[in-house]
């Protein structure tokens, strides 16, 4: 009923990567379920509405963008999801010309 959600990012130009994190102060995810929750129709709490597809769809989208998504097992005050993706650089052929 109360809490917070924090979005943050870090650019690593040298590695051409961006790291996004979504951190909440909710109930957290048990260690043994931290990979399982990315499957279809999975929920750690059956009393919360929803079909359990959100994280599954996130993983599909991130994978399509050549990235990775995972939980941060070291975070214990809720849940933290970390997404790492390559930074797209514009190609010369895609630049607009006058």
Protein backbone atom coordinates (compact mmCIF):
# COMPACT_ATOMS: atom_id res chain seq x y z
CA UNK A 1 0.00 0.00 0.00
CA UNK A 2 2.95 2.33 0.48
CA UNK A 3 6.45 2.31 -0.81
CA UNK A 4 8.46 3.55 -3.72
CA UNK A 5 9.72 2.60 -7.15
CA UNK A 6 13.03 4.00 -8.35
CA UNK A 7 14.24 4.00 -11.95
CA UNK A 8 17.90 4.63 -12.66
CA UNK A 9 20.39 4.21 -15.47
CA UNK A 10 24.12 4.16 -16.10
CA UNK A 11 25.80 4.72 -19.46
CA UNK A 12 29.05 2.95 -20.16
CA UNK A 13 30.23 4.56 -23.40
CA UNK A 14 33.45 2.56 -23.43
CA UNK A 15 31.57 -0.74 -23.45
CA UNK A 16 28.70 0.75 -25.50
CA UNK A 17 26.17 -0.39 -22.86
CA UNK A 18 23.35 1.12 -20.88
CA UNK A 19 22.26 -0.42 -17.59
CA UNK A 20 18.74 0.30 -16.36
CA UNK A 21 17.45 -0.67 -12.94
CA UNK A 22 13.98 -0.72 -11.47
CA UNK A 23 13.96 -0.94 -7.68
CA UNK A 24 10.90 -1.22 -5.45
CA UNK A 25 10.30 -1.45 -1.72
CA UNK A 26 7.76 -4.26 -2.03
CA UNK A 27 7.76 -7.73 -0.53
CA UNK A 28 10.72 -8.94 -2.60
CA UNK A 29 11.24 -12.19 -4.45
CA UNK A 30 12.54 -15.32 -2.72
CA UNK A 31 15.98 -16.44 -3.91
CA UNK A 32 14.62 -19.73 -5.27
CA UNK A 33 12.05 -17.90 -7.45
CA UNK A 34 14.29 -15.21 -8.96
CA UNK A 35 14.66 -16.99 -12.32
CA UNK A 36 11.25 -18.71 -12.25
CA UNK A 37 9.35 -15.39 -12.22
CA UNK A 38 10.45 -14.73 -15.81
CA UNK A 39 8.35 -17.70 -17.01
CA UNK A 40 4.79 -17.33 -18.33
CA UNK A 41 1.89 -17.17 -15.87
CA UNK A 42 4.01 -17.14 -12.73
CA UNK A 43 3.31 -15.05 -9.63
CA UNK A 44 4.80 -15.18 -6.16
CA UNK A 45 1.47 -14.05 -4.66
CA UNK A 46 -1.77 -15.57 -5.98
CA UNK A 47 -3.83 -12.91 -4.17
CA UNK A 48 -2.59 -10.08 -6.40
CA UNK A 49 -4.48 -9.57 -9.70
CA UNK A 50 -2.74 -10.18 -13.00
CA UNK A 51 -1.89 -13.08 -15.24
CA UNK A 52 1.83 -13.24 -14.48
CA UNK A 53 3.00 -12.23 -17.95
CA UNK A 54 4.72 -8.90 -17.25
CA UNK A 55 8.24 -10.10 -16.52
CA UNK A 56 7.99 -12.79 -19.19
CA UNK A 57 7.16 -10.10 -21.78
CA UNK A 58 9.93 -7.84 -20.46
CA UNK A 59 12.46 -10.62 -20.98
CA UNK A 60 11.19 -11.24 -24.53
CA UNK A 61 11.52 -7.54 -25.42
CA UNK A 62 14.94 -7.15 -23.80
CA UNK A 63 16.22 -10.30 -25.52
CA UNK A 64 14.99 -9.01 -28.90
CA UNK A 65 17.02 -5.86 -28.28
CA UNK A 66 20.13 -8.00 -27.59
CA UNK A 67 20.01 -7.23 -23.89
CA UNK A 68 19.72 -9.12 -20.63
CA UNK A 69 17.35 -8.79 -17.67
CA UNK A 70 17.80 -10.32 -14.25
CA UNK A 71 16.95 -9.79 -10.61
CA UNK A 72 19.56 -8.40 -8.24
CA UNK A 73 19.86 -11.09 -5.54
CA UNK A 74 21.92 -8.79 -3.29
CA UNK A 75 19.05 -6.30 -2.89
CA UNK A 76 16.95 -7.26 0.16
CA UNK A 77 14.60 -4.29 0.77
CA UNK A 78 12.17 -5.25 -2.01
CA UNK A 79 13.03 -6.16 -5.60
CA UNK A 80 15.52 -4.83 -8.10
CA UNK A 81 15.53 -5.71 -11.78
CA UNK A 82 18.60 -4.91 -13.85
CA UNK A 83 18.54 -4.58 -17.64
CA UNK A 84 21.76 -4.32 -19.64
CA UNK A 85 21.50 -3.40 -23.32
CA UNK A 86 23.85 -2.30 -26.08
CA UNK A 87 23.66 1.36 -27.01
CA UNK A 88 22.60 1.73 -30.62
CA UNK A 89 24.76 4.07 -32.65
CA UNK A 90 23.31 5.68 -35.76
CA UNK A 91 24.71 4.38 -38.99
CA UNK A 92 25.82 6.73 -41.75
CA UNK A 93 23.09 5.43 -44.05
CA UNK A 94 20.34 6.29 -41.57
CA UNK A 95 21.33 9.94 -41.22
CA UNK A 96 19.01 12.44 -42.82
CA UNK A 97 20.37 14.57 -45.61
CA UNK A 98 19.10 17.89 -46.91
